[in-house]
Protein backbone atom coordinates (compact mmCIF):
# COMPACT_ATOMS: atom_id res chain seq x y z
CA MET A 1 9.26 15.41 16.24
CA ARG A 2 6.69 13.65 18.18
CA GLU A 3 6.05 9.28 17.81
CA ILE A 4 2.39 8.31 17.05
CA GLN A 5 1.20 5.28 16.03
CA PHE A 6 0.26 4.08 12.34
CA ARG A 7 -3.35 4.13 13.24
CA GLU A 8 -3.49 7.56 15.02
CA ALA A 9 -1.19 9.02 11.64
CA LEU A 10 -4.12 7.93 9.16
CA ARG A 11 -6.51 9.20 12.10
CA GLU A 12 -4.98 12.61 11.95
CA ALA A 13 -5.08 12.50 8.24
CA MET A 14 -8.44 12.05 7.39
CA SER A 15 -9.82 14.53 10.50
CA GLU A 16 -7.35 17.26 9.33
CA GLU A 17 -9.30 16.54 6.10
CA MET A 18 -12.48 16.57 7.20
CA ARG A 19 -12.15 19.88 9.38
CA ASN A 20 -11.02 21.64 6.08
CA ASP A 21 -13.47 20.64 3.75
CA GLY A 22 -17.28 19.73 4.71
CA ASN A 23 -17.54 17.39 2.12
CA ILE A 24 -15.43 14.61 2.97
CA TYR A 25 -17.31 11.73 5.34
CA LEU A 26 -16.43 8.46 6.35
CA MET A 27 -18.06 5.35 6.02
CA GLY A 28 -17.81 1.93 6.50
CA GLU A 29 -18.20 -1.55 8.72
CA GLU A 30 -17.98 -0.32 12.43
CA VAL A 31 -16.38 3.07 12.16
CA ALA A 32 -18.66 5.15 14.27
CA GLU A 33 -20.17 3.58 17.67
CA TYR A 34 -17.14 1.35 17.71
CA ASN A 35 -14.26 3.57 16.76
CA GLY A 36 -13.47 1.28 14.02
CA ALA A 37 -12.37 -2.24 14.25
CA TYR A 38 -8.55 -1.01 14.32
CA LYS A 39 -9.28 1.90 16.36
CA VAL A 40 -8.18 3.81 13.12
CA SER A 41 -11.10 6.34 13.42
CA GLN A 42 -11.43 6.76 17.03
CA GLY A 43 -13.33 9.44 18.40
CA MET A 44 -13.78 10.82 15.08
CA LEU A 45 -17.98 10.11 15.52
CA ASP A 46 -17.68 12.94 18.35
CA GLU A 47 -16.05 15.69 16.79
CA PHE A 48 -18.02 15.25 13.75
CA GLY A 49 -21.41 13.45 14.15
CA ALA A 50 -23.31 10.64 12.76
CA LYS A 51 -23.98 12.47 9.25
CA ARG A 52 -19.95 12.61 8.53
CA VAL A 53 -18.63 9.28 10.44
CA ILE A 54 -21.25 6.80 9.14
CA ASP A 55 -21.38 2.76 10.51
CA THR A 56 -22.66 0.74 7.58
CA PRO A 57 -24.50 -2.78 7.56
CA ILE A 58 -22.11 -5.72 6.16
CA SER A 59 -22.68 -5.01 2.82
CA GLU A 60 -19.33 -3.96 1.06
CA LEU A 61 -21.49 -4.02 -2.45
CA GLY A 62 -24.22 -1.10 -1.11
CA PHE A 63 -22.10 0.99 0.83
CA ALA A 64 -19.24 1.65 -1.94
CA GLY A 65 -21.67 2.31 -4.29
CA ILE A 66 -23.25 4.72 -2.14
CA GLY A 67 -19.93 6.10 -1.96
CA ILE A 68 -19.24 6.20 -5.90
CA GLY A 69 -22.53 7.82 -6.40
CA SER A 70 -21.93 10.77 -3.72
CA ALA A 71 -18.94 11.10 -5.30
CA MET A 72 -19.89 11.85 -8.45
CA ASN A 73 -22.49 14.18 -6.35
CA GLY A 74 -19.45 16.44 -5.39
CA LEU A 75 -18.50 14.75 -2.28
CA ARG A 76 -15.20 13.50 -0.93
CA PRO A 77 -15.94 9.90 0.74
CA ILE A 78 -13.47 7.93 1.94
CA ILE A 79 -15.08 4.13 2.14
CA GLU A 80 -12.84 1.72 5.01
CA PHE A 81 -13.22 -1.68 4.58
CA MET A 82 -12.82 -4.16 7.79
CA THR A 83 -10.02 -5.95 5.29
CA PHE A 84 -9.55 -5.80 1.40
CA ASN A 85 -10.34 -9.59 1.17
CA PHE A 86 -13.82 -8.49 1.56
CA SER A 87 -13.56 -5.60 -0.98
CA LEU A 88 -14.68 -8.63 -3.32
CA VAL A 89 -17.89 -8.55 -2.65
CA ALA A 90 -17.94 -4.38 -3.93
CA ILE A 91 -15.39 -5.08 -6.82
CA ASP A 92 -17.76 -4.60 -9.62
CA GLN A 93 -18.37 -0.93 -7.84
CA ILE A 94 -15.03 -0.12 -7.75
CA ILE A 95 -13.79 -1.95 -11.00
CA ASN A 96 -16.73 -1.21 -13.13
CA GLY A 97 -17.97 1.73 -11.72
CA ALA A 98 -15.43 4.20 -10.14
CA ALA A 99 -12.26 3.25 -12.13
CA LYS A 100 -13.85 3.50 -15.63
CA MET A 101 -16.90 6.52 -14.92
CA MET A 102 -14.57 9.13 -15.76
CA SER A 103 -13.28 7.34 -19.42
CA MET A 104 -16.83 6.53 -20.14
CA SER A 105 -18.62 9.97 -18.64
CA GLY A 106 -16.35 12.00 -21.23
CA GLY A 107 -14.61 13.60 -18.56
CA GLN A 108 -18.16 14.61 -17.36
CA PHE A 109 -18.00 13.03 -13.67
CA SER A 110 -14.84 12.49 -11.70
CA VAL A 111 -15.38 10.25 -8.86
CA PRO A 112 -12.98 11.80 -5.92
CA ILE A 113 -12.84 8.60 -3.57
CA VAL A 114 -10.63 6.76 -1.10
CA PHE A 115 -11.00 3.14 -0.55
CA ARG A 116 -9.06 2.06 2.54
CA GLY A 117 -8.12 -0.40 4.85
CA PRO A 118 -6.13 -3.72 5.54
CA THR A 119 -4.13 -6.15 2.87
CA GLY A 120 -2.31 -8.90 3.07
CA ASN A 121 -1.70 -11.99 6.21
CA ALA A 122 -2.36 -10.48 9.52
CA GLY A 123 -1.05 -13.87 11.07
CA MET A 124 -3.59 -16.95 11.86
CA LEU A 125 -6.91 -15.48 9.70
CA SER A 126 -6.11 -18.32 7.05
CA SER A 127 -6.58 -18.30 3.05
CA GLN A 128 -9.80 -15.87 2.72
CA HIS A 129 -7.95 -13.24 4.86
CA SER A 130 -4.47 -12.75 4.44
CA GLN A 131 -4.56 -11.84 0.27
CA CYS A 132 -2.75 -9.10 -1.12
CA PHE A 133 -4.74 -7.25 -3.75
CA GLU A 134 -2.70 -4.94 -4.67
CA ASN A 135 -1.43 -5.92 -8.33
CA TRP A 136 -5.24 -6.94 -8.50
CA TYR A 137 -6.39 -2.90 -8.26
CA ALA A 138 -2.78 -2.02 -9.85
CA ASN A 139 -3.92 -3.61 -13.19
CA CYS A 140 -6.92 -1.90 -13.84
CA PRO A 141 -6.98 1.54 -15.57
CA GLY A 142 -8.11 4.84 -13.12
CA LEU A 143 -6.89 3.63 -10.26
CA LYS A 144 -4.34 4.75 -8.10
CA VAL A 145 -2.87 2.25 -5.62
CA VAL A 146 -1.19 3.48 -2.61
CA VAL A 147 0.34 1.20 -0.14
CA PRO A 148 2.63 3.24 2.96
CA SER A 149 4.82 1.49 5.10
CA ASN A 150 5.12 3.54 7.84
CA PRO A 151 3.25 6.27 10.07
CA TYR A 152 5.09 9.32 8.61
CA ASP A 153 3.93 7.78 4.87
CA ALA A 154 0.53 6.86 5.54
CA LYS A 155 -0.25 10.37 7.03
CA GLY A 156 1.01 12.00 3.87
CA LEU A 157 0.26 9.59 1.25
CA LEU A 158 -3.73 9.48 2.71
CA LYS A 159 -3.83 13.67 2.80
CA SER A 160 -2.52 13.54 -0.97
CA ALA A 161 -5.27 10.29 -1.34
CA ILE A 162 -8.36 12.57 0.04
CA LEU A 163 -7.67 15.40 -1.90
CA ASP A 164 -7.22 13.69 -5.19
CA PRO A 165 -9.28 13.58 -8.20
CA ASP A 166 -9.69 10.45 -8.83
CA PRO A 167 -10.43 6.93 -6.86
CA VAL A 168 -7.51 5.53 -4.79
CA ILE A 169 -7.14 2.60 -3.15
CA PHE A 170 -5.41 2.96 -0.24
CA MET A 171 -3.84 -0.59 1.35
CA GLU A 172 -3.08 -0.79 5.15
CA SER A 173 -2.24 -3.71 7.34
CA GLU A 174 -3.34 -5.13 10.50
CA LEU A 175 0.08 -5.89 11.65
CA MET A 176 1.15 -2.06 11.28
CA TYR A 177 -1.57 -0.12 13.12
CA GLY A 178 0.27 -0.19 16.20
CA ASP A 179 3.68 0.39 14.70
CA LYS A 180 4.85 3.81 16.07
CA GLY A 181 7.12 6.65 14.14
CA GLU A 182 8.03 10.02 14.15
CA VAL A 183 5.20 11.91 12.17
CA PRO A 184 5.52 16.06 12.40
CA GLU A 185 3.04 18.20 13.97
CA GLU A 186 3.06 20.87 10.92
CA THR A 187 0.66 20.15 7.52
CA TYR A 188 2.74 17.81 4.85
CA TYR A 189 1.38 16.09 1.71
CA ILE A 190 3.49 13.63 -0.17
CA PRO A 191 2.49 13.23 -3.75
CA LEU A 192 1.31 9.93 -4.89
CA GLY A 193 3.34 7.93 -7.37
CA LYS A 194 6.91 9.13 -5.76
CA ALA A 195 9.42 6.11 -4.56
CA LYS A 196 11.15 6.84 -1.13
CA VAL A 197 15.28 5.95 -1.09
CA VAL A 198 15.20 5.22 1.95
CA LYS A 199 18.73 3.86 2.13
CA GLU A 200 21.14 4.73 -0.44
CA GLY A 201 23.54 1.91 -1.44
CA THR A 202 26.21 1.17 -4.30
CA ASP A 203 26.14 -2.95 -4.24
CA VAL A 204 22.29 -3.59 -5.39
CA THR A 205 19.19 -2.20 -5.05
CA LEU A 206 16.31 -3.92 -2.41
CA VAL A 207 12.93 -2.98 -3.80
CA GLY A 208 9.72 -3.26 -1.76
CA PHE A 209 6.62 -1.34 -0.19
CA GLY A 210 3.89 -1.87 2.52
CA LYS A 211 5.04 -3.80 5.74
CA ILE A 212 7.50 -6.28 3.32
CA MET A 213 9.59 -2.50 3.94
CA LYS A 214 10.23 -3.93 7.54
CA VAL A 215 11.55 -7.58 5.74
CA VAL A 216 13.61 -5.47 3.14
CA ASN A 217 15.48 -2.84 5.97
CA ALA A 218 16.51 -5.99 8.38
CA ALA A 219 17.59 -8.13 5.36
CA ALA A 220 19.57 -4.40 4.26
CA ALA A 221 21.36 -4.04 7.81
CA GLU A 222 22.49 -7.52 8.26
CA LEU A 223 24.35 -7.34 4.89
CA SER A 224 25.67 -4.13 5.97
CA LYS A 225 27.22 -6.09 8.65
CA GLU A 226 29.33 -7.98 5.96
CA GLY A 227 30.27 -4.93 4.47
CA ILE A 228 27.15 -5.18 1.48
CA ASN A 229 26.25 -1.64 1.10
CA ALA A 230 22.50 -2.23 -0.51
CA GLU A 231 20.57 1.14 -1.95
CA VAL A 232 16.59 0.93 -0.48
CA ILE A 233 13.71 2.21 -2.44
CA ASP A 234 9.81 1.61 -0.99
CA LEU A 235 7.89 2.11 -3.98
CA ARG A 236 4.72 3.64 -1.74
CA THR A 237 2.66 3.73 -4.74
CA VAL A 238 2.27 0.76 -7.12
CA ARG A 239 -0.07 3.10 -9.68
CA PRO A 240 1.92 4.61 -10.90
CA ILE A 241 5.17 3.14 -9.95
CA ASP A 242 7.79 5.24 -10.28
CA TYR A 243 10.14 3.40 -12.36
CA ALA A 244 12.83 6.31 -13.36
CA THR A 245 13.92 6.09 -9.24
CA VAL A 246 14.39 2.47 -9.70
CA ILE A 247 15.65 2.42 -12.65
CA GLN A 248 18.30 5.29 -11.58
CA SER A 249 19.26 3.54 -8.84
CA VAL A 250 20.23 -0.12 -10.93
CA LYS A 251 21.81 1.88 -13.16
CA LYS A 252 24.50 2.79 -10.16
CA THR A 253 23.93 -0.57 -8.36
CA ASN A 254 23.66 -2.74 -11.38
CA ARG A 255 21.56 -5.56 -9.55
CA LEU A 256 18.03 -5.62 -8.64
CA VAL A 257 15.80 -7.64 -6.17
CA ILE A 258 12.45 -6.85 -5.17
CA VAL A 259 10.21 -8.26 -2.50
CA GLU A 260 6.68 -8.68 -2.40
CA GLU A 261 4.26 -10.57 0.20
CA SER A 262 1.64 -11.63 -3.16
CA TRP A 263 1.47 -14.36 -5.08
CA PRO A 264 4.14 -14.21 -7.80
CA LEU A 265 1.81 -14.36 -10.71
CA GLY A 266 1.18 -10.87 -12.45
CA SER A 267 2.89 -9.27 -9.53
CA ILE A 268 4.02 -5.68 -8.81
CA ALA A 269 7.34 -7.56 -8.82
CA THR A 270 6.62 -8.95 -12.36
CA GLU A 271 6.15 -5.26 -13.70
CA VAL A 272 9.29 -4.08 -12.24
CA ALA A 273 11.69 -6.43 -13.50
CA PHE A 274 10.12 -5.93 -16.88
CA LYS A 275 10.46 -2.37 -17.00
CA VAL A 276 13.83 -2.41 -15.80
CA GLN A 277 15.54 -5.23 -18.02
CA LYS A 278 13.75 -3.37 -21.13
CA ASP A 279 14.98 0.32 -20.14
CA ALA A 280 17.86 -0.72 -18.20
CA PHE A 281 19.13 -3.87 -19.45
CA ASP A 282 22.70 -2.72 -20.27
CA TYR A 283 23.64 -1.90 -16.69
CA LEU A 284 22.66 -4.55 -15.23
CA ASP A 285 25.35 -7.26 -14.17
CA ALA A 286 23.30 -10.28 -13.00
CA PRO A 287 20.02 -11.43 -13.36
CA ILE A 288 17.08 -9.67 -11.62
CA LEU A 289 15.07 -11.73 -8.57
CA ARG A 290 12.18 -11.88 -6.68
CA ILE A 291 11.47 -12.67 -3.31
CA MET A 292 7.46 -13.14 -3.37
CA GLY A 293 4.85 -15.06 -0.94
CA GLY A 294 4.22 -18.47 -1.73
CA ASP A 295 2.06 -20.20 -4.83
CA VAL A 296 -0.66 -21.35 -2.41
CA PRO A 297 -3.66 -20.03 -0.34
CA LEU A 298 -1.60 -18.85 2.60
CA PRO A 299 -2.20 -21.55 5.58
CA TYR A 300 -3.19 -21.30 8.88
CA ALA A 301 -0.66 -23.15 10.80
CA PRO A 302 2.05 -20.47 11.96
CA THR A 303 4.80 -22.90 10.75
CA LEU A 304 3.46 -22.80 7.15
CA ILE A 305 3.01 -18.74 7.43
CA GLN A 306 6.43 -18.64 8.07
CA GLU A 307 7.47 -20.63 5.18
CA PHE A 308 4.89 -19.18 2.63
CA LEU A 309 6.27 -15.20 3.62
CA PRO A 310 9.38 -13.11 2.68
CA ASN A 311 12.53 -13.22 5.16
CA PRO A 312 14.96 -11.12 5.68
CA GLU A 313 17.29 -14.63 5.05
CA ARG A 314 15.96 -15.19 1.52
CA VAL A 315 16.60 -11.58 0.85
CA ILE A 316 19.83 -12.13 1.80
CA LYS A 317 20.49 -14.90 0.06
CA ALA A 318 19.15 -13.85 -2.79
CA VAL A 319 20.95 -10.64 -2.85
CA LYS A 320 24.17 -12.98 -2.57
CA GLU A 321 23.54 -14.61 -5.45
CA VAL A 322 23.19 -11.29 -7.66
CA LEU A 323 26.39 -10.47 -6.44
CA TYR A 324 28.01 -14.15 -7.17
CA VAL A 325 28.97 -14.64 -3.62
CA THR A 326 27.51 -17.97 -3.48
CA LYS A 327 24.99 -19.61 -5.85
């Protein structure tokens, strides 16, 4: 199987679906002439032309609204935000427009649209360009929210998102675009709303999604050296959440640690913890623990960023705590 970059996997997903359906188009800042801010759309203008790969002004509210209107009229837009921090300018269109249109129109209008771009921290970009909005959008009925962690998942999930009849928020990471992974050449789709058991284990369940899976996987590898066999689950989609896969795992391991980059209050981890304690309480041998980002705006200084973010050491400490190895 060939190995390609995360950005190339996204590009293949969009290009393959655009070749199959002339109603699909890509729109956003610098997606055309500049080949994409992160080179995700490199070469797509040459293949599909300026009517289907469209550069926009710096006006997220405007081009998000245009995309939603076109989706209501039979097209399938892919709207790229240079970062989801900038999606806040367009959040009224997304929340009060795309997410609610099917319901408010009594089923007369579907909105098959994908909003995609990077989320979370990307190094020394400071507070306004380093935020996680997965849980914000996942809180809104009418949206599906996808956060892939590797090139294989990114391609299969994006292809499914493009074909979905409802609005999909597809969140990537600036720090992952250059990551390489094995991706088959043949066509494949990954269904939305289905988690992946990355590694089977017996002692504790570790749950994460997106680029934080690097931390989770690194922690699991270190734990295995100490004889602790962690089961690792990548949620992949955070609306809908695949609670069943997590609960099935917890019933086997009896312990759960959830790792997430975002602020603690109202997080995806909080929702997973609630659901597990509600539906699998009798299987838990220890309290559920979360490893979260700091409850402050992300600092600029790299030393403070390291203190803010989850890391393998914090995960390992939490695992040992739920195993009562240390206190």
